[in-house]
Amino acid sequence: NASSFATQIANLAYGEMDRNAEKPGCSYTTGSTSCPGQYQLVSKKWD
């Protein structure tokens, strides 16, 4: 099915406060709830 890549599109995204991004947010430890939506965890490098 690889020929169908010719018409496929991809949207890659990351939060700027995630790990290694422009504005890394709060570090996450198990049970943390003080920074909902703004923890850093996964590196922007994957994106």
PDB file of all heavy atoms in Angstrom:
ATOM      1  N   ASN A   1       0.813  -1.229   0.000  1.00  0.00           N
ATOM      2  CA  ASN A   1       0.000   0.000   0.000  1.00  0.00           C
ATOM      3  C   ASN A   1       0.842   1.273   0.000  1.00  0.00           C
ATOM      4  O   ASN A   1       0.294   2.378   0.097  1.00  0.00           O
ATOM      5  CB  ASN A   1      -0.924   0.015   1.226  1.00  0.00           C
ATOM      6  CG  ASN A   1      -1.970  -1.082   1.176  1.00  0.00           C
ATOM      7  OD1 ASN A   1      -2.538  -1.365   0.138  1.00  0.00           O
ATOM      8  ND2 ASN A   1      -2.213  -1.710   2.320  1.00  0.00           N
ATOM      9  N   ALA A   2       2.162   1.133  -0.101  1.00  0.00           N
ATOM     10  CA  ALA A   2       3.054   2.289   0.034  1.00  0.00           C
ATOM     11  C   ALA A   2       2.793   3.364  -1.013  1.00  0.00           C
ATOM     12  O   ALA A   2       3.059   4.548  -0.753  1.00  0.00           O
ATOM     13  CB  ALA A   2       4.505   1.832  -0.033  1.00  0.00           C
ATOM     14  N   SER A   3       2.266   2.999  -2.161  1.00  0.00           N
ATOM     15  CA  SER A   3       2.006   4.015  -3.200  1.00  0.00           C
ATOM     16  C   SER A   3       1.001   5.058  -2.727  1.00  0.00           C
ATOM     17  O   SER A   3       0.975   6.186  -3.240  1.00  0.00           O
ATOM     18  CB  SER A   3       1.502   3.350  -4.480  1.00  0.00           C
ATOM     19  OG  SER A   3       0.284   2.658  -4.248  1.00  0.00           O
ATOM     20  N   SER A   4       0.173   4.712  -1.730  1.00  0.00           N
ATOM     21  CA  SER A   4      -0.832   5.651  -1.228  1.00  0.00           C
ATOM     22  C   SER A   4      -0.227   6.764  -0.381  1.00  0.00           C
ATOM     23  O   SER A   4      -0.918   7.740  -0.063  1.00  0.00           O
ATOM     24  CB  SER A   4      -1.898   4.909  -0.408  1.00  0.00           C
ATOM     25  OG  SER A   4      -2.649   4.041  -1.226  1.00  0.00           O
ATOM     26  N   PHE A   5       1.064   6.644  -0.020  1.00  0.00           N
ATOM     27  CA  PHE A   5       1.725   7.753   0.669  1.00  0.00           C
ATOM     28  C   PHE A   5       1.754   9.006  -0.204  1.00  0.00           C
ATOM     29  O   PHE A   5       1.898  10.115   0.302  1.00  0.00           O
ATOM     30  CB  PHE A   5       3.153   7.374   1.059  1.00  0.00           C
ATOM     31  CG  PHE A   5       3.248   6.434   2.231  1.00  0.00           C
ATOM     32  CD1 PHE A   5       4.071   5.315   2.179  1.00  0.00           C
ATOM     33  CD2 PHE A   5       2.534   6.667   3.404  1.00  0.00           C
ATOM     34  CE1 PHE A   5       4.183   4.452   3.260  1.00  0.00           C
ATOM     35  CE2 PHE A   5       2.628   5.811   4.501  1.00  0.00           C
ATOM     36  CZ  PHE A   5       3.455   4.698   4.424  1.00  0.00           C
ATOM     37  N   ALA A   6       1.619   8.822  -1.520  1.00  0.00           N
ATOM     38  CA  ALA A   6       1.684   9.959  -2.439  1.00  0.00           C
ATOM     39  C   ALA A   6       0.572  10.969  -2.203  1.00  0.00           C
ATOM     40  O   ALA A   6       0.693  12.134  -2.606  1.00  0.00           O
ATOM     41  CB  ALA A   6       1.635   9.462  -3.885  1.00  0.00           C
ATOM     42  N   THR A   7      -0.519  10.541  -1.550  1.00  0.00           N
ATOM     43  CA  THR A   7      -1.636  11.458  -1.306  1.00  0.00           C
ATOM     44  C   THR A   7      -2.025  11.534   0.172  1.00  0.00           C
ATOM     45  O   THR A   7      -3.096  12.023   0.506  1.00  0.00           O
ATOM     46  CB  THR A   7      -2.871  11.047  -2.128  1.00  0.00           C
ATOM     47  OG1 THR A   7      -3.198   9.674  -1.841  1.00  0.00           O
ATOM     48  CG2 THR A   7      -2.619  11.216  -3.617  1.00  0.00           C
ATOM     49  N   GLN A   8      -1.152  11.062   1.049  1.00  0.00           N
ATOM     50  CA  GLN A   8      -1.420  11.147   2.485  1.00  0.00           C
ATOM     51  C   GLN A   8      -0.783  12.427   3.044  1.00  0.00           C
ATOM     52  O   GLN A   8       0.194  12.932   2.487  1.00  0.00           O
ATOM     53  CB  GLN A   8      -0.851   9.931   3.214  1.00  0.00           C
ATOM     54  CG  GLN A   8      -1.299   9.791   4.668  1.00  0.00           C
ATOM     55  CD  GLN A   8      -0.617   8.624   5.358  1.00  0.00           C
ATOM     56  OE1 GLN A   8       0.597   8.642   5.591  1.00  0.00           O
ATOM     57  NE2 GLN A   8      -1.393   7.587   5.684  1.00  0.00           N
ATOM     58  N   ILE A   9      -1.340  12.962   4.126  1.00  0.00           N
ATOM     59  CA  ILE A   9      -0.809  14.162   4.766  1.00  0.00           C
ATOM     60  C   ILE A   9      -0.622  13.910   6.253  1.00  0.00           C
ATOM     61  O   ILE A   9      -1.221  12.985   6.816  1.00  0.00           O
ATOM     62  CB  ILE A   9      -1.723  15.387   4.538  1.00  0.00           C
ATOM     63  CG1 ILE A   9      -3.146  15.111   5.053  1.00  0.00           C
ATOM     64  CG2 ILE A   9      -1.747  15.778   3.072  1.00  0.00           C
ATOM     65  CD1 ILE A   9      -4.085  16.296   4.928  1.00  0.00           C
ATOM     66  N   ALA A  10       0.227  14.721   6.893  1.00  0.00           N
ATOM     67  CA  ALA A  10       0.533  14.499   8.307  1.00  0.00           C
ATOM     68  C   ALA A  10       0.633  15.827   9.053  1.00  0.00           C
ATOM     69  O   ALA A  10       1.305  16.756   8.602  1.00  0.00           O
ATOM     70  CB  ALA A  10       1.846  13.724   8.454  1.00  0.00           C
ATOM     71  N   ASN A  11      -0.037  15.885  10.202  1.00  0.00           N
ATOM     72  CA  ASN A  11       0.021  17.039  11.086  1.00  0.00           C
ATOM     73  C   ASN A  11       0.686  16.598  12.388  1.00  0.00           C
ATOM     74  O   ASN A  11       0.103  15.830  13.160  1.00  0.00           O
ATOM     75  CB  ASN A  11      -1.392  17.572  11.353  1.00  0.00           C
ATOM     76  CG  ASN A  11      -1.414  18.837  12.192  1.00  0.00           C
ATOM     77  OD1 ASN A  11      -0.894  18.872  13.292  1.00  0.00           O
ATOM     78  ND2 ASN A  11      -2.058  19.877  11.664  1.00  0.00           N
ATOM     79  N   LEU A  12       1.905  17.046  12.635  1.00  0.00           N
ATOM     80  CA  LEU A  12       2.637  16.726  13.858  1.00  0.00           C
ATOM     81  C   LEU A  12       2.586  17.942  14.781  1.00  0.00           C
ATOM     82  O   LEU A  12       2.694  19.085  14.309  1.00  0.00           O
ATOM     83  CB  LEU A  12       4.094  16.371  13.547  1.00  0.00           C
ATOM     84  CG  LEU A  12       4.381  15.105  12.717  1.00  0.00           C
ATOM     85  CD1 LEU A  12       3.540  13.925  13.164  1.00  0.00           C
ATOM     86  CD2 LEU A  12       4.238  15.333  11.228  1.00  0.00           C
ATOM     87  N   ALA A  13       2.402  17.706  16.065  1.00  0.00           N
ATOM     88  CA  ALA A  13       2.239  18.826  16.995  1.00  0.00           C
ATOM     89  C   ALA A  13       2.835  18.490  18.353  1.00  0.00           C
ATOM     90  O   ALA A  13       3.011  17.319  18.709  1.00  0.00           O
ATOM     91  CB  ALA A  13       0.759  19.172  17.143  1.00  0.00           C
ATOM     92  N   TYR A  14       3.136  19.558  19.101  1.00  0.00           N
ATOM     93  CA  TYR A  14       3.655  19.394  20.462  1.00  0.00           C
ATOM     94  C   TYR A  14       3.286  20.631  21.279  1.00  0.00           C
ATOM     95  O   TYR A  14       3.056  21.720  20.732  1.00  0.00           O
ATOM     96  CB  TYR A  14       5.186  19.235  20.441  1.00  0.00           C
ATOM     97  CG  TYR A  14       5.914  20.471  19.960  1.00  0.00           C
ATOM     98  CD1 TYR A  14       6.408  21.414  20.864  1.00  0.00           C
ATOM     99  CD2 TYR A  14       6.091  20.710  18.602  1.00  0.00           C
ATOM    100  CE1 TYR A  14       7.061  22.557  20.433  1.00  0.00           C
ATOM    101  CE2 TYR A  14       6.740  21.847  18.157  1.00  0.00           C
ATOM    102  CZ  TYR A  14       7.225  22.771  19.072  1.00  0.00           C
ATOM    103  OH  TYR A  14       7.858  23.911  18.637  1.00  0.00           O
ATOM    104  N   GLY A  15       3.207  20.481  22.573  1.00  0.00           N
ATOM    105  CA  GLY A  15       3.000  21.610  23.460  1.00  0.00           C
ATOM    106  C   GLY A  15       4.335  22.269  23.772  1.00  0.00           C
ATOM    107  O   GLY A  15       5.315  21.576  24.050  1.00  0.00           O
ATOM    108  N   GLU A  16       4.370  23.587  23.724  1.00  0.00           N
ATOM    109  CA  GLU A  16       5.636  24.283  23.931  1.00  0.00           C
ATOM    110  C   GLU A  16       6.170  24.127  25.360  1.00  0.00           C
ATOM    111  O   GLU A  16       7.316  24.474  25.630  1.00  0.00           O
ATOM    112  CB  GLU A  16       5.488  25.767  23.604  1.00  0.00           C
ATOM    113  CG  GLU A  16       4.598  26.540  24.562  1.00  0.00           C
ATOM    114  CD  GLU A  16       4.630  28.049  24.313  1.00  0.00           C
ATOM    115  OE1 GLU A  16       5.306  28.480  23.363  1.00  0.00           O
ATOM    116  OE2 GLU A  16       3.962  28.779  25.065  1.00  0.00           O
ATOM    117  N   MET A  17       5.347  23.581  26.266  1.00  0.00           N
ATOM    118  CA  MET A  17       5.792  23.364  27.640  1.00  0.00           C
ATOM    119  C   MET A  17       6.156  21.903  27.908  1.00  0.00           C
ATOM    120  O   MET A  17       6.421  21.508  29.035  1.00  0.00           O
ATOM    121  CB  MET A  17       4.702  23.830  28.616  1.00  0.00           C
ATOM    122  CG  MET A  17       4.371  25.305  28.482  1.00  0.00           C
ATOM    123  SD  MET A  17       3.091  25.884  29.626  1.00  0.00           S
ATOM    124  CE  MET A  17       4.042  25.984  31.148  1.00  0.00           C
ATOM    125  N   ASP A  18       6.180  21.094  26.830  1.00  0.00           N
ATOM    126  CA  ASP A  18       6.597  19.698  26.978  1.00  0.00           C
ATOM    127  C   ASP A  18       8.131  19.638  27.047  1.00  0.00           C
ATOM    128  O   ASP A  18       8.825  20.643  26.884  1.00  0.00           O
ATOM    129  CB  ASP A  18       6.049  18.851  25.821  1.00  0.00           C
ATOM    130  CG  ASP A  18       5.713  17.428  26.250  1.00  0.00           C
ATOM    131  OD1 ASP A  18       6.229  16.969  27.286  1.00  0.00           O
ATOM    132  OD2 ASP A  18       4.922  16.775  25.543  1.00  0.00           O
ATOM    133  N   ARG A  19       8.659  18.468  27.237  1.00  0.00           N
ATOM    134  CA  ARG A  19      10.092  18.290  27.462  1.00  0.00           C
ATOM    135  C   ARG A  19      10.905  18.731  26.241  1.00  0.00           C
ATOM    136  O   ARG A  19      10.547  18.418  25.100  1.00  0.00           O
ATOM    137  CB  ARG A  19      10.385  16.835  27.787  1.00  0.00           C
ATOM    138  CG  ARG A  19      11.790  16.608  28.317  1.00  0.00           C
ATOM    139  CD  ARG A  19      11.955  15.216  28.893  1.00  0.00           C
ATOM    140  NE  ARG A  19      13.201  15.107  29.636  1.00  0.00           N
ATOM    141  CZ  ARG A  19      13.606  13.996  30.242  1.00  0.00           C
ATOM    142  NH1 ARG A  19      12.852  12.909  30.228  1.00  0.00           N
ATOM    143  NH2 ARG A  19      14.766  13.973  30.892  1.00  0.00           N
ATOM    144  N   ASN A  20      12.009  19.435  26.479  1.00  0.00           N
ATOM    145  CA  ASN A  20      12.923  19.920  25.441  1.00  0.00           C
ATOM    146  C   ASN A  20      12.281  20.891  24.464  1.00  0.00           C
ATOM    147  O   ASN A  20      12.865  21.182  23.416  1.00  0.00           O
ATOM    148  CB  ASN A  20      13.534  18.753  24.645  1.00  0.00           C
ATOM    149  CG  ASN A  20      14.293  17.777  25.518  1.00  0.00           C
ATOM    150  OD1 ASN A  20      14.138  16.554  25.370  1.00  0.00           O
ATOM    151  ND2 ASN A  20      15.114  18.266  26.427  1.00  0.00           N
ATOM    152  N   ALA A  21      11.096  21.399  24.792  1.00  0.00           N
ATOM    153  CA  ALA A  21      10.445  22.378  23.930  1.00  0.00           C
ATOM    154  C   ALA A  21      10.839  23.788  24.381  1.00  0.00           C
ATOM    155  O   ALA A  21      11.717  23.975  25.218  1.00  0.00           O
ATOM    156  CB  ALA A  21       8.934  22.183  23.958  1.00  0.00           C
ATOM    157  N   GLU A  22      10.192  24.803  23.805  1.00  0.00           N
ATOM    158  CA  GLU A  22      10.607  26.184  24.020  1.00  0.00           C
ATOM    159  C   GLU A  22      10.419  26.682  25.450  1.00  0.00           C
ATOM    160  O   GLU A  22      11.208  27.480  25.945  1.00  0.00           O
ATOM    161  CB  GLU A  22       9.855  27.106  23.057  1.00  0.00           C
ATOM    162  CG  GLU A  22      10.234  26.966  21.599  1.00  0.00           C
ATOM    163  CD  GLU A  22       9.584  25.781  20.900  1.00  0.00           C
ATOM    164  OE1 GLU A  22       8.831  25.025  21.566  1.00  0.00           O
ATOM    165  OE2 GLU A  22       9.817  25.600  19.693  1.00  0.00           O
ATOM    166  N   LYS A  23       9.379  26.226  26.130  1.00  0.00           N
ATOM    167  CA  LYS A  23       9.075  26.713  27.483  1.00  0.00           C
ATOM    168  C   LYS A  23       8.726  25.532  28.384  1.00  0.00           C
ATOM    169  O   LYS A  23       7.584  25.388  28.808  1.00  0.00           O
ATOM    170  CB  LYS A  23       7.905  27.701  27.439  1.00  0.00           C
ATOM    171  CG  LYS A  23       8.172  28.981  26.669  1.00  0.00           C
ATOM    172  CD  LYS A  23       6.890  29.801  26.485  1.00  0.00           C
ATOM    173  CE  LYS A  23       6.217  30.134  27.774  1.00  0.00           C
ATOM    174  NZ  LYS A  23       4.994  30.958  27.586  1.00  0.00           N
ATOM    175  N   PRO A  24       9.683  24.669  28.697  1.00  0.00           N
ATOM    176  CA  PRO A  24       9.376  23.469  29.491  1.00  0.00           C
ATOM    177  C   PRO A  24       8.614  23.805  30.759  1.00  0.00           C
ATOM    178  O   PRO A  24       8.960  24.726  31.494  1.00  0.00           O
ATOM    179  CB  PRO A  24      10.758  22.885  29.794  1.00  0.00           C
ATOM    180  CG  PRO A  24      11.630  23.390  28.688  1.00  0.00           C
ATOM    181  CD  PRO A  24      11.119  24.767  28.385  1.00  0.00           C
ATOM    182  N   GLY A  25       7.555  23.042  31.004  1.00  0.00           N
ATOM    183  CA  GLY A  25       6.691  23.300  32.153  1.00  0.00           C
ATOM    184  C   GLY A  25       7.130  22.568  33.404  1.00  0.00           C
ATOM    185  O   GLY A  25       8.305  22.243  33.590  1.00  0.00           O
ATOM    186  N   CYS A  26       6.163  22.282  34.245  1.00  0.00           N
ATOM    187  CA  CYS A  26       6.440  21.624  35.523  1.00  0.00           C
ATOM    188  C   CYS A  26       6.934  20.192  35.299  1.00  0.00           C
ATOM    189  O   CYS A  26       6.456  19.496  34.395  1.00  0.00           O
ATOM    190  CB  CYS A  26       5.174  21.572  36.373  1.00  0.00           C
ATOM    191  SG  CYS A  26       4.440  23.183  36.732  1.00  0.00           S
ATOM    192  N   SER A  27       7.875  19.767  36.151  1.00  0.00           N
ATOM    193  CA  SER A  27       8.308  18.370  36.116  1.00  0.00           C
ATOM    194  C   SER A  27       7.226  17.523  36.780  1.00  0.00           C
ATOM    195  O   SER A  27       6.653  17.915  37.801  1.00  0.00           O
ATOM    196  CB  SER A  27       9.635  18.207  36.847  1.00  0.00           C
ATOM    197  OG  SER A  27      10.650  18.931  36.180  1.00  0.00           O
ATOM    198  N   TYR A  28       6.971  16.361  36.187  1.00  0.00           N
ATOM    199  CA  TYR A  28       5.896  15.509  36.715  1.00  0.00           C
ATOM    200  C   TYR A  28       6.455  14.412  37.616  1.00  0.00           C
ATOM    201  O   TYR A  28       7.427  13.738  37.278  1.00  0.00           O
ATOM    202  CB  TYR A  28       5.108  14.870  35.581  1.00  0.00           C
ATOM    203  CG  TYR A  28       3.995  13.970  36.081  1.00  0.00           C
ATOM    204  CD1 TYR A  28       2.831  14.515  36.599  1.00  0.00           C
ATOM    205  CD2 TYR A  28       4.134  12.580  36.047  1.00  0.00           C
ATOM    206  CE1 TYR A  28       1.819  13.706  37.090  1.00  0.00           C
ATOM    207  CE2 TYR A  28       3.121  11.760  36.530  1.00  0.00           C
ATOM    208  CZ  TYR A  28       1.966  12.321  37.047  1.00  0.00           C
ATOM    209  OH  TYR A  28       0.960  11.523  37.520  1.00  0.00           O
ATOM    210  N   THR A  29       5.844  14.249  38.779  1.00  0.00           N
ATOM    211  CA  THR A  29       6.086  13.096  39.634  1.00  0.00           C
ATOM    212  C   THR A  29       4.736  12.443  39.899  1.00  0.00           C
ATOM    213  O   THR A  29       3.692  13.104  39.868  1.00  0.00           O
ATOM    214  CB  THR A  29       6.733  13.494  40.969  1.00  0.00           C
ATOM    215  OG1 THR A  29       5.902  14.460  41.628  1.00  0.00           O
ATOM    216  CG2 THR A  29       8.114  14.099  40.737  1.00  0.00           C
ATOM    217  N   THR A  30       4.756  11.159  40.125  1.00  0.00           N
ATOM    218  CA  THR A  30       3.509  10.417  40.312  1.00  0.00           C
ATOM    219  C   THR A  30       2.614  11.065  41.362  1.00  0.00           C
ATOM    220  O   THR A  30       3.052  11.370  42.466  1.00  0.00           O
ATOM    221  CB  THR A  30       3.811   8.970  40.729  1.00  0.00           C
ATOM    222  OG1 THR A  30       4.648   8.362  39.738  1.00  0.00           O
ATOM    223  CG2 THR A  30       2.525   8.165  40.851  1.00  0.00           C
ATOM    224  N   GLY A  31       1.383  11.319  40.968  1.00  0.00           N
ATOM    225  CA  GLY A  31       0.418  11.929  41.873  1.00  0.00           C
ATOM    226  C   GLY A  31       0.348  13.438  41.806  1.00  0.00           C
ATOM    227  O   GLY A  31      -0.509  14.056  42.441  1.00  0.00           O
ATOM    228  N   SER A  32       1.246  14.071  41.026  1.00  0.00           N
ATOM    229  CA  SER A  32       1.234  15.531  40.924  1.00  0.00           C
ATOM    230  C   SER A  32      -0.053  16.013  40.266  1.00  0.00           C
ATOM    231  O   SER A  32      -0.525  15.425  39.291  1.00  0.00           O
ATOM    232  CB  SER A  32       2.428  16.017  40.094  1.00  0.00           C
ATOM    233  OG  SER A  32       3.644  15.709  40.720  1.00  0.00           O
ATOM    234  N   THR A  33      -0.609  17.103  40.780  1.00  0.00           N
ATOM    235  CA  THR A  33      -1.822  17.690  40.179  1.00  0.00           C
ATOM    236  C   THR A  33      -1.751  19.216  40.114  1.00  0.00           C
ATOM    237  O   THR A  33      -2.714  19.849  39.705  1.00  0.00           O
ATOM    238  CB  THR A  33      -3.075  17.298  40.997  1.00  0.00           C
ATOM    239  OG1 THR A  33      -2.939  17.787  42.342  1.00  0.00           O
ATOM    240  CG2 THR A  33      -3.284  15.793  41.006  1.00  0.00           C
ATOM    241  N   SER A  34      -0.623  19.801  40.482  1.00  0.00           N
ATOM    242  CA  SER A  34      -0.554  21.264  40.604  1.00  0.00           C
ATOM    243  C   SER A  34      -0.449  21.992  39.268  1.00  0.00           C
ATOM    244  O   SER A  34      -0.718  23.191  39.202  1.00  0.00           O
ATOM    245  CB  SER A  34       0.632  21.657  41.487  1.00  0.00           C
ATOM    246  OG  SER A  34       1.847  21.176  40.933  1.00  0.00           O
ATOM    247  N   CYS A  35      -0.053  21.299  38.194  1.00  0.00           N
ATOM    248  CA  CYS A  35       0.144  21.948  36.884  1.00  0.00           C
ATOM    249  C   CYS A  35      -0.637  21.232  35.788  1.00  0.00           C
ATOM    250  O   CYS A  35      -0.059  20.811  34.783  1.00  0.00           O
ATOM    251  CB  CYS A  35       1.621  21.978  36.522  1.00  0.00           C
ATOM    252  SG  CYS A  35       2.659  22.928  37.635  1.00  0.00           S
ATOM    253  N   PRO A  36      -1.953  21.060  35.948  1.00  0.00           N
ATOM    254  CA  PRO A  36      -2.697  20.332  34.912  1.00  0.00           C
ATOM    255  C   PRO A  36      -2.543  20.987  33.544  1.00  0.00           C
ATOM    256  O   PRO A  36      -2.628  22.209  33.421  1.00  0.00           O
ATOM    257  CB  PRO A  36      -4.141  20.413  35.411  1.00  0.00           C
ATOM    258  CG  PRO A  36      -4.178  21.600  36.314  1.00  0.00           C
ATOM    259  CD  PRO A  36      -2.842  21.633  36.976  1.00  0.00           C
ATOM    260  N   GLY A  37      -2.273  20.159  32.552  1.00  0.00           N
ATOM    261  CA  GLY A  37      -2.141  20.652  31.188  1.00  0.00           C
ATOM    262  C   GLY A  37      -0.810  21.272  30.869  1.00  0.00           C
ATOM    263  O   GLY A  37      -0.562  21.645  29.717  1.00  0.00           O
ATOM    264  N   GLN A  38       0.098  21.382  31.870  1.00  0.00           N
ATOM    265  CA  GLN A  38       1.349  22.093  31.631  1.00  0.00           C
ATOM    266  C   GLN A  38       2.570  21.352  32.186  1.00  0.00           C
ATOM    267  O   GLN A  38       3.584  21.961  32.503  1.00  0.00           O
ATOM    268  CB  GLN A  38       1.270  23.507  32.214  1.00  0.00           C
ATOM    269  CG  GLN A  38       0.216  24.374  31.519  1.00  0.00           C
ATOM    270  CD  GLN A  38       0.226  25.807  31.987  1.00  0.00           C
ATOM    271  OE1 GLN A  38       0.584  26.104  33.125  1.00  0.00           O
ATOM    272  NE2 GLN A  38      -0.163  26.725  31.107  1.00  0.00           N
ATOM    273  N   TYR A  39       2.479  20.026  32.272  1.00  0.00           N
ATOM    274  CA  TYR A  39       3.637  19.236  32.665  1.00  0.00           C
ATOM    275  C   TYR A  39       4.515  18.953  31.449  1.00  0.00           C
ATOM    276  O   TYR A  39       4.027  18.823  30.319  1.00  0.00           O
ATOM    277  CB  TYR A  39       3.205  17.910  33.283  1.00  0.00           C
ATOM    278  CG  TYR A  39       2.643  18.040  34.679  1.00  0.00           C
ATOM    279  CD1 TYR A  39       1.281  17.921  34.913  1.00  0.00           C
ATOM    280  CD2 TYR A  39       3.480  18.282  35.767  1.00  0.00           C
ATOM    281  CE1 TYR A  39       0.754  18.042  36.199  1.00  0.00           C
ATOM    282  CE2 TYR A  39       2.965  18.402  37.059  1.00  0.00           C
ATOM    283  CZ  TYR A  39       1.610  18.281  37.263  1.00  0.00           C
ATOM    284  OH  TYR A  39       1.096  18.397  38.535  1.00  0.00           O
ATOM    285  N   GLN A  40       5.814  18.836  31.691  1.00  0.00           N
ATOM    286  CA  GLN A  40       6.731  18.365  30.654  1.00  0.00           C
ATOM    287  C   GLN A  40       6.975  16.877  30.868  1.00  0.00           C
ATOM    288  O   GLN A  40       7.180  16.438  31.994  1.00  0.00           O
ATOM    289  CB  GLN A  40       8.045  19.142  30.678  1.00  0.00           C
ATOM    290  CG  GLN A  40       8.809  19.095  31.993  1.00  0.00           C
ATOM    291  CD  GLN A  40      10.222  19.597  31.842  1.00  0.00           C
ATOM    292  OE1 GLN A  40      11.003  19.084  31.037  1.00  0.00           O
ATOM    293  NE2 GLN A  40      10.570  20.614  32.637  1.00  0.00           N
ATOM    294  N   LEU A  41       6.951  16.109  29.789  1.00  0.00           N
ATOM    295  CA  LEU A  41       7.118  14.657  29.927  1.00  0.00           C
ATOM    296  C   LEU A  41       7.809  14.030  28.726  1.00  0.00           C
ATOM    297  O   LEU A  41       8.758  13.270  28.871  1.00  0.00           O
ATOM    298  CB  LEU A  41       5.747  13.992  30.134  1.00  0.00           C
ATOM    299  CG  LEU A  41       5.788  12.508  30.475  1.00  0.00           C
ATOM    300  CD1 LEU A  41       6.344  12.309  31.887  1.00  0.00           C
ATOM    301  CD2 LEU A  41       4.383  11.892  30.374  1.00  0.00           C
ATOM    302  N   VAL A  42       7.333  14.328  27.510  1.00  0.00           N
ATOM    303  CA  VAL A  42       7.828  13.676  26.293  1.00  0.00           C
ATOM    304  C   VAL A  42       8.577  14.696  25.439  1.00  0.00           C
ATOM    305  O   VAL A  42       8.079  15.802  25.195  1.00  0.00           O
ATOM    306  CB  VAL A  42       6.658  13.053  25.503  1.00  0.00           C
ATOM    307  CG1 VAL A  42       7.117  12.536  24.144  1.00  0.00           C
ATOM    308  CG2 VAL A  42       6.037  11.909  26.309  1.00  0.00           C
ATOM    309  N   SER A  43       9.755  14.327  24.967  1.00  0.00           N
ATOM    310  CA  SER A  43      10.614  15.263  24.256  1.00  0.00           C
ATOM    311  C   SER A  43      10.032  15.728  22.919  1.00  0.00           C
ATOM    312  O   SER A  43       9.495  14.926  22.143  1.00  0.00           O
ATOM    313  CB  SER A  43      11.985  14.626  23.998  1.00  0.00           C
ATOM    314  OG  SER A  43      12.804  15.485  23.224  1.00  0.00           O
ATOM    315  N   LYS A  44      10.187  17.020  22.648  1.00  0.00           N
ATOM    316  CA  LYS A  44       9.831  17.578  21.341  1.00  0.00           C
ATOM    317  C   LYS A  44      10.612  16.901  20.210  1.00  0.00           C
ATOM    318  O   LYS A  44      10.169  16.874  19.059  1.00  0.00           O
ATOM    319  CB  LYS A  44      10.110  19.084  21.352  1.00  0.00           C
ATOM    320  CG  LYS A  44       9.945  19.763  19.999  1.00  0.00           C
ATOM    321  CD  LYS A  44      10.427  21.196  20.028  1.00  0.00           C
ATOM    322  CE  LYS A  44      10.493  21.788  18.629  1.00  0.00           C
ATOM    323  NZ  LYS A  44      11.031  23.164  18.625  1.00  0.00           N
ATOM    324  N   LYS A  45      11.777  16.350  20.523  1.00  0.00           N
ATOM    325  CA  LYS A  45      12.629  15.717  19.509  1.00  0.00           C
ATOM    326  C   LYS A  45      11.886  14.620  18.760  1.00  0.00           C
ATOM    327  O   LYS A  45      12.123  14.408  17.553  1.00  0.00           O
ATOM    328  CB  LYS A  45      13.878  15.149  20.173  1.00  0.00           C
ATOM    329  CG  LYS A  45      14.858  14.439  19.235  1.00  0.00           C
ATOM    330  CD  LYS A  45      15.513  15.403  18.273  1.00  0.00           C
ATOM    331  CE  LYS A  45      16.759  14.828  17.626  1.00  0.00           C
ATOM    332  NZ  LYS A  45      16.624  13.536  16.972  1.00  0.00           N
ATOM    333  N   TRP A  46      10.980  13.914  19.439  1.00  0.00           N
ATOM    334  CA  TRP A  46      10.198  12.892  18.726  1.00  0.00           C
ATOM    335  C   TRP A  46       9.415  13.538  17.584  1.00  0.00           C
ATOM    336  O   TRP A  46       9.309  12.975  16.491  1.00  0.00           O
ATOM    337  CB  TRP A  46       9.231  12.201  19.683  1.00  0.00           C
ATOM    338  CG  TRP A  46       9.834  11.340  20.741  1.00  0.00           C
ATOM    339  CD1 TRP A  46       9.802  11.547  22.089  1.00  0.00           C
ATOM    340  CD2 TRP A  46      10.562  10.102  20.555  1.00  0.00           C
ATOM    341  NE1 TRP A  46      10.450  10.534  22.755  1.00  0.00           N
ATOM    342  CE2 TRP A  46      10.925   9.625  21.841  1.00  0.00           C
ATOM    343  CE3 TRP A  46      10.919   9.364  19.434  1.00  0.00           C
ATOM    344  CZ2 TRP A  46      11.637   8.454  22.022  1.00  0.00           C
ATOM    345  CZ3 TRP A  46      11.639   8.173  19.623  1.00  0.00           C
ATOM    346  CH2 TRP A  46      11.987   7.731  20.896  1.00  0.00           C
ATOM    347  N   ASP A  47       8.858  14.719  17.823  1.00  0.00           N
ATOM    348  CA  ASP A  47       8.031  15.372  16.812  1.00  0.00           C
ATOM    349  C   ASP A  47       8.852  15.828  15.618  1.00  0.00           C
ATOM    350  O   ASP A  47       8.436  15.672  14.465  1.00  0.00           O
ATOM    351  CB  ASP A  47       7.286  16.552  17.434  1.00  0.00           C
ATOM    352  CG  ASP A  47       6.455  16.133  18.629  1.00  0.00           C
ATOM    353  OD1 ASP A  47       5.398  15.519  18.417  1.00  0.00           O
ATOM    354  OD2 ASP A  47       6.879  16.385  19.770  1.00  0.00           O
TER     355      ASP A  47
END
